[in-house]
PDB file of N, CA and C in Angstrom:
ATOM      1  N   MET A   1     103.206 129.787 163.953  1.00  0.00           N
ATOM      2  CA  MET A   1     103.595 130.673 165.041  1.00  0.00           C
ATOM      3  C   MET A   1     104.681 131.631 164.577  1.00  0.00           C
ATOM      4  N   ALA A   2     104.567 132.848 164.997  1.00  0.00           N
ATOM      5  CA  ALA A   2     105.507 133.883 164.588  1.00  0.00           C
ATOM      6  C   ALA A   2     106.936 133.581 165.052  1.00  0.00           C
ATOM      7  N   ILE A   3     107.085 133.072 166.263  1.00  0.00           N
ATOM      8  CA  ILE A   3     108.428 132.774 166.775  1.00  0.00           C
ATOM      9  C   ILE A   3     109.092 131.700 165.923  1.00  0.00           C
ATOM     10  N   LEU A   4     108.358 130.646 165.608  1.00  0.00           N
ATOM     11  CA  LEU A   4     108.924 129.583 164.771  1.00  0.00           C
ATOM     12  C   LEU A   4     109.285 130.112 163.384  1.00  0.00           C
ATOM     13  N   ASN A   5     108.452 130.971 162.821  1.00  0.00           N
ATOM     14  CA  ASN A   5     108.756 131.545 161.507  1.00  0.00           C
ATOM     15  C   ASN A   5     110.039 132.357 161.539  1.00  0.00           C
ATOM     16  N   GLU A   6     110.222 133.147 162.566  1.00  0.00           N
ATOM     17  CA  GLU A   6     111.449 133.942 162.687  1.00  0.00           C
ATOM     18  C   GLU A   6     112.672 133.040 162.841  1.00  0.00           C
ATOM     19  N   LEU A   7     112.551 131.999 163.655  1.00  0.00           N
ATOM     20  CA  LEU A   7     113.676 131.095 163.866  1.00  0.00           C
ATOM     21  C   LEU A   7     114.005 130.304 162.604  1.00  0.00           C
ATOM     22  N   ARG A   8     112.998 129.961 161.823  1.00  0.00           N
ATOM     23  CA  ARG A   8     113.253 129.271 160.551  1.00  0.00           C
ATOM     24  C   ARG A   8     114.059 130.161 159.608  1.00  0.00           C
ATOM     25  N   GLY A   9     113.826 131.456 159.675  1.00  0.00           N
ATOM     26  CA  GLY A   9     114.524 132.398 158.814  1.00  0.00           C
ATOM     27  C   GLY A   9     115.962 132.643 159.211  1.00  0.00           C
ATOM     28  N   LEU A  10     116.358 132.227 160.398  1.00  0.00           N
ATOM     29  CA  LEU A  10     117.728 132.430 160.864  1.00  0.00           C
ATOM     30  C   LEU A  10     118.204 131.147 161.540  1.00  0.00           C
ATOM     31  N   PRO A  11     118.705 130.191 160.750  1.00  0.00           N
ATOM     32  CA  PRO A  11     119.065 128.881 161.296  1.00  0.00           C
ATOM     33  C   PRO A  11     120.178 128.896 162.343  1.00  0.00           C
ATOM     34  N   THR A  12     120.934 129.980 162.443  1.00  0.00           N
ATOM     35  CA  THR A  12     121.979 130.054 163.470  1.00  0.00           C
ATOM     36  C   THR A  12     121.408 130.372 164.841  1.00  0.00           C
ATOM     37  N   GLY A  13     120.150 130.826 164.879  1.00  0.00           N
ATOM     38  CA  GLY A  13     119.489 131.104 166.138  1.00  0.00           C
ATOM     39  C   GLY A  13     119.343 132.580 166.434  1.00  0.00           C
ATOM     40  N   MET A  14     118.513 132.875 167.418  1.00  0.00           N
ATOM     41  CA  MET A  14     118.259 134.245 167.863  1.00  0.00           C
ATOM     42  C   MET A  14     118.153 134.258 169.381  1.00  0.00           C
ATOM     43  N   THR A  15     118.438 135.395 169.966  1.00  0.00           N
ATOM     44  CA  THR A  15     118.259 135.546 171.408  1.00  0.00           C
ATOM     45  C   THR A  15     116.805 135.905 171.701  1.00  0.00           C
ATOM     46  N   ASN A  16     116.414 135.759 172.949  1.00  0.00           N
ATOM     47  CA  ASN A  16     115.085 136.176 173.371  1.00  0.00           C
ATOM     48  C   ASN A  16     114.893 137.664 173.078  1.00  0.00           C
ATOM     49  N   GLY A  17     115.902 138.462 173.349  1.00  0.00           N
ATOM     50  CA  GLY A  17     115.815 139.901 173.093  1.00  0.00           C
ATOM     51  C   GLY A  17     115.628 140.218 171.618  1.00  0.00           C
ATOM     52  N   ASP A  18     116.349 139.508 170.753  1.00  0.00           N
ATOM     53  CA  ASP A  18     116.190 139.700 169.307  1.00  0.00           C
ATOM     54  C   ASP A  18     114.759 139.389 168.882  1.00  0.00           C
ATOM     55  N   LEU A  19     114.243 138.266 169.360  1.00  0.00           N
ATOM     56  CA  LEU A  19     112.877 137.872 169.007  1.00  0.00           C
ATOM     57  C   LEU A  19     111.849 138.884 169.496  1.00  0.00           C
ATOM     58  N   THR A  20     111.999 139.383 170.704  1.00  0.00           N
ATOM     59  CA  THR A  20     111.024 140.340 171.227  1.00  0.00           C
ATOM     60  C   THR A  20     111.026 141.629 170.420  1.00  0.00           C
ATOM     61  N   ARG A  21     112.202 142.079 169.975  1.00  0.00           N
ATOM     62  CA  ARG A  21     112.282 143.303 169.164  1.00  0.00           C
ATOM     63  C   ARG A  21     111.655 143.086 167.790  1.00  0.00           C
ATOM     64  N   VAL A  22     112.021 141.989 167.117  1.00  0.00           N
ATOM     65  CA  VAL A  22     111.527 141.711 165.773  1.00  0.00           C
ATOM     66  C   VAL A  22     110.005 141.546 165.765  1.00  0.00           C
ATOM     67  N   LEU A  23     109.474 140.909 166.786  1.00  0.00           N
ATOM     68  CA  LEU A  23     108.038 140.645 166.846  1.00  0.00           C
ATOM     69  C   LEU A  23     107.256 141.724 167.601  1.00  0.00           C
ATOM     70  N   ALA A  24     107.947 142.765 168.021  1.00  0.00           N
ATOM     71  CA  ALA A  24     107.324 143.872 168.764  1.00  0.00           C
ATOM     72  C   ALA A  24     106.598 143.368 170.014  1.00  0.00           C
ATOM     73  N   LEU A  25     107.264 142.498 170.765  1.00  0.00           N
ATOM     74  CA  LEU A  25     106.699 141.946 171.997  1.00  0.00           C
ATOM     75  C   LEU A  25     107.402 142.472 173.243  1.00  0.00           C
ATOM     76  N   GLU A  26     108.177 143.521 173.102  1.00  0.00           N
ATOM     77  CA  GLU A  26     108.907 144.043 174.253  1.00  0.00           C
ATOM     78  C   GLU A  26     107.938 144.549 175.310  1.00  0.00           C
ATOM     79  N   SER A  27     108.245 144.219 176.546  1.00  0.00           N
ATOM     80  CA  SER A  27     107.383 144.646 177.648  1.00  0.00           C
ATOM     81  C   SER A  27     107.817 146.018 178.142  1.00  0.00           C
ATOM     82  N   ASP A  28     106.876 146.723 178.731  1.00  0.00           N
ATOM     83  CA  ASP A  28     107.156 148.033 179.306  1.00  0.00           C
ATOM     84  C   ASP A  28     107.447 147.948 180.792  1.00  0.00           C
ATOM     85  N   GLN A  29     107.327 146.764 181.349  1.00  0.00           N
ATOM     86  CA  GLN A  29     107.488 146.584 182.783  1.00  0.00           C
ATOM     87  C   GLN A  29     108.940 146.721 183.192  1.00  0.00           C
ATOM     88  N   MET A  30     109.162 147.402 184.270  1.00  0.00           N
ATOM     89  CA  MET A  30     110.503 147.533 184.840  1.00  0.00           C
ATOM     90  C   MET A  30     110.710 146.381 185.806  1.00  0.00           C
ATOM     91  N   GLY A  31     111.903 145.837 185.835  1.00  0.00           N
ATOM     92  CA  GLY A  31     112.185 144.780 186.799  1.00  0.00           C
ATOM     93  C   GLY A  31     112.595 143.484 186.148  1.00  0.00           C
ATOM     94  N   LYS A  32     112.504 142.411 186.907  1.00  0.00           N
ATOM     95  CA  LYS A  32     113.039 141.119 186.496  1.00  0.00           C
ATOM     96  C   LYS A  32     112.203 140.419 185.430  1.00  0.00           C
ATOM     97  N   GLN A  33     110.966 140.771 185.262  1.00  0.00           N
ATOM     98  CA  GLN A  33     110.087 140.049 184.342  1.00  0.00           C
ATOM     99  C   GLN A  33     110.060 140.653 182.938  1.00  0.00           C
ATOM    100  N   LYS A  34     111.048 141.414 182.562  1.00  0.00           N
ATOM    101  CA  LYS A  34     111.085 142.056 181.250  1.00  0.00           C
ATOM    102  C   LYS A  34     111.103 141.008 180.142  1.00  0.00           C
ATOM    103  N   ASN A  35     110.271 141.209 179.139  1.00  0.00           N
ATOM    104  CA  ASN A  35     110.174 140.340 177.959  1.00  0.00           C
ATOM    105  C   ASN A  35     109.850 138.892 178.325  1.00  0.00           C
ATOM    106  N   TYR A  36     109.067 138.715 179.352  1.00  0.00           N
ATOM    107  CA  TYR A  36     108.728 137.384 179.841  1.00  0.00           C
ATOM    108  C   TYR A  36     107.828 136.616 178.878  1.00  0.00           C
ATOM    109  N   LEU A  37     106.964 137.312 178.146  1.00  0.00           N
ATOM    110  CA  LEU A  37     106.025 136.636 177.252  1.00  0.00           C
ATOM    111  C   LEU A  37     106.752 135.784 176.211  1.00  0.00           C
ATOM    112  N   CYS A  38     107.706 136.364 175.526  1.00  0.00           N
ATOM    113  CA  CYS A  38     108.448 135.631 174.497  1.00  0.00           C
ATOM    114  C   CYS A  38     109.247 134.483 175.125  1.00  0.00           C
ATOM    115  N   TRP A  39     109.866 134.745 176.248  1.00  0.00           N
ATOM    116  CA  TRP A  39     110.649 133.714 176.921  1.00  0.00           C
ATOM    117  C   TRP A  39     109.754 132.555 177.335  1.00  0.00           C
ATOM    118  N   SER A  40     108.560 132.865 177.800  1.00  0.00           N
ATOM    119  CA  SER A  40     107.615 131.830 178.213  1.00  0.00           C
ATOM    120  C   SER A  40     107.192 130.959 177.027  1.00  0.00           C
ATOM    121  N   VAL A  41     106.933 131.577 175.886  1.00  0.00           N
ATOM    122  CA  VAL A  41     106.561 130.812 174.690  1.00  0.00           C
ATOM    123  C   VAL A  41     107.739 129.958 174.233  1.00  0.00           C
ATOM    124  N   LEU A  42     108.945 130.500 174.290  1.00  0.00           N
ATOM    125  CA  LEU A  42     110.131 129.709 173.943  1.00  0.00           C
ATOM    126  C   LEU A  42     110.234 128.478 174.837  1.00  0.00           C
ATOM    127  N   GLY A  43     109.946 128.635 176.109  1.00  0.00           N
ATOM    128  CA  GLY A  43     109.974 127.505 177.042  1.00  0.00           C
ATOM    129  C   GLY A  43     108.998 126.409 176.639  1.00  0.00           C
ATOM    130  N   ARG A  44     107.808 126.810 176.233  1.00  0.00           N
ATOM    131  CA  ARG A  44     106.813 125.821 175.789  1.00  0.00           C
ATOM    132  C   ARG A  44     107.250 125.138 174.498  1.00  0.00           C
ATOM    133  N   LEU A  45     107.863 125.902 173.595  1.00  0.00           N
ATOM    134  CA  LEU A  45     108.346 125.320 172.340  1.00  0.00           C
ATOM    135  C   LEU A  45     109.492 124.348 172.590  1.00  0.00           C
ATOM    136  N   MET A  46     110.347 124.647 173.572  1.00  0.00           N
ATOM    137  CA  MET A  46     111.421 123.720 173.923  1.00  0.00           C
ATOM    138  C   MET A  46     110.840 122.447 174.524  1.00  0.00           C
ATOM    139  N   LYS A  47     109.857 122.599 175.393  1.00  0.00           N
ATOM    140  CA  LYS A  47     109.221 121.445 176.030  1.00  0.00           C
ATOM    141  C   LYS A  47     108.543 120.549 174.984  1.00  0.00           C
ATOM    142  N   ALA A  48     108.013 121.168 173.925  1.00  0.00           N
ATOM    143  CA  ALA A  48     107.359 120.417 172.848  1.00  0.00           C
ATOM    144  C   ALA A  48     108.361 119.820 171.865  1.00  0.00           C
ATOM    145  N   GLY A  49     109.652 120.127 172.050  1.00  0.00           N
ATOM    146  CA  GLY A  49     110.686 119.571 171.190  1.00  0.00           C
ATOM    147  C   GLY A  49     110.841 120.274 169.856  1.00  0.00           C
ATOM    148  N   LYS A  50     110.326 121.492 169.748  1.00  0.00           N
ATOM    149  CA  LYS A  50     110.400 122.229 168.485  1.00  0.00           C
ATOM    150  C   LYS A  50     111.574 123.205 168.433  1.00  0.00           C
ATOM    151  N   VAL A  51     112.018 123.651 169.593  1.00  0.00           N
ATOM    152  CA  VAL A  51     113.096 124.640 169.690  1.00  0.00           C
ATOM    153  C   VAL A  51     114.139 124.119 170.659  1.00  0.00           C
ATOM    154  N   GLU A  52     115.393 124.461 170.380  1.00  0.00           N
ATOM    155  CA  GLU A  52     116.461 124.106 171.313  1.00  0.00           C
ATOM    156  C   GLU A  52     117.229 125.354 171.724  1.00  0.00           C
ATOM    157  N   ARG A  53     117.788 125.289 172.921  1.00  0.00           N
ATOM    158  CA  ARG A  53     118.565 126.400 173.461  1.00  0.00           C
ATOM    159  C   ARG A  53     120.030 126.077 173.293  1.00  0.00           C
ATOM    160  N   LEU A  54     120.778 127.033 172.769  1.00  0.00           N
ATOM    161  CA  LEU A  54     122.215 126.879 172.603  1.00  0.00           C
ATOM    162  C   LEU A  54     122.910 127.723 173.657  1.00  0.00           C
ATOM    163  N   LEU A  55     123.606 127.076 174.548  1.00  0.00           N
ATOM    164  CA  LEU A  55     124.306 127.804 175.603  1.00  0.00           C
ATOM    165  C   LEU A  55     125.522 128.508 175.022  1.00  0.00           C
ATOM    166  N   PRO A  56     125.947 129.591 175.666  1.00  0.00           N
ATOM    167  CA  PRO A  56     127.103 130.335 175.155  1.00  0.00           C
ATOM    168  C   PRO A  56     128.343 129.455 175.096  1.00  0.00           C
ATOM    169  N   ASP A  57     129.108 129.639 174.048  1.00  0.00           N
ATOM    170  CA  ASP A  57     130.376 128.916 173.958  1.00  0.00           C
ATOM    171  C   ASP A  57     131.499 129.916 174.193  1.00  0.00           C
ATOM    172  N   GLY A  58     132.242 129.682 175.199  1.00  0.00           N
ATOM    173  CA  GLY A  58     133.328 130.587 175.552  1.00  0.00           C
ATOM    174  C   GLY A  58     132.967 131.433 176.765  1.00  0.00           C
ATOM    175  N   LYS A  59     133.977 131.878 177.463  1.00  0.00           N
ATOM    176  CA  LYS A  59     133.768 132.625 178.699  1.00  0.00           C
ATOM    177  C   LYS A  59     133.270 134.043 178.455  1.00  0.00           C
ATOM    178  N   ASN A  60     133.555 134.614 177.285  1.00  0.00           N
ATOM    179  CA  ASN A  60     133.192 136.001 177.021  1.00  0.00           C
ATOM    180  C   ASN A  60     131.778 136.155 176.475  1.00  0.00           C
ATOM    181  N   SER A  61     131.151 135.072 176.096  1.00  0.00           N
ATOM    182  CA  SER A  61     129.826 135.153 175.505  1.00  0.00           C
ATOM    183  C   SER A  61     128.754 134.915 176.561  1.00  0.00           C
ATOM    184  N   LYS A  62     127.744 135.776 176.581  1.00  0.00           N
ATOM    185  CA  LYS A  62     126.621 135.617 177.498  1.00  0.00           C
ATOM    186  C   LYS A  62     125.325 135.410 176.727  1.00  0.00           C
ATOM    187  N   ARG A  63     125.409 135.381 175.413  1.00  0.00           N
ATOM    188  CA  ARG A  63     124.211 135.288 174.582  1.00  0.00           C
ATOM    189  C   ARG A  63     123.720 133.843 174.473  1.00  0.00           C
ATOM    190  N   ILE A  64     122.522 133.604 174.964  1.00  0.00           N
ATOM    191  CA  ILE A  64     121.881 132.304 174.800  1.00  0.00           C
ATOM    192  C   ILE A  64     121.013 132.393 173.559  1.00  0.00           C
ATOM    193  N   LEU A  65     121.227 131.480 172.643  1.00  0.00           N
ATOM    194  CA  LEU A  65     120.482 131.479 171.392  1.00  0.00           C
ATOM    195  C   LEU A  65     119.432 130.382 171.398  1.00  0.00           C
ATOM    196  N   TYR A  66     118.358 130.631 170.677  1.00  0.00           N
ATOM    197  CA  TYR A  66     117.294 129.660 170.480  1.00  0.00           C
ATOM    198  C   TYR A  66     117.173 129.408 168.993  1.00  0.00           C
ATOM    199  N   LYS A  67     117.009 128.146 168.603  1.00  0.00           N
ATOM    200  CA  LYS A  67     116.861 127.819 167.196  1.00  0.00           C
ATOM    201  C   LYS A  67     115.938 126.629 167.038  1.00  0.00           C
ATOM    202  N   ILE A  68     115.492 126.419 165.793  1.00  0.00           N
ATOM    203  CA  ILE A  68     114.643 125.277 165.483  1.00  0.00           C
ATOM    204  C   ILE A  68     115.439 124.016 165.781  1.00  0.00           C
ATOM    205  N   LYS A  69     114.811 123.079 166.470  1.00  0.00           N
ATOM    206  CA  LYS A  69     115.490 121.838 166.817  1.00  0.00           C
ATOM    207  C   LYS A  69     115.699 121.004 165.578  1.00  0.00           C
ATOM    208  N   SER A  70     116.931 120.534 165.423  1.00  0.00           N
ATOM    209  CA  SER A  70     117.239 119.726 164.233  1.00  0.00           C
ATOM    210  C   SER A  70     117.096 118.250 164.468  1.00  0.00           C
TER     211      SER A  70
END
């Protein structure tokens, strides 16, 4: 899978937005469902135990990162 390959290449993790840009999966839709495809696949990978979500550390950070589960 392309998402897993990208995450393997960056062990510190990537955001959903980073992944959508790198894989050219950005949606053209305006509104709340922007870039939903990549986020949906990430959800399935987390459910399968292959990817983990890293919540922001610190009050100033809003970036949620996804990385290969160790």
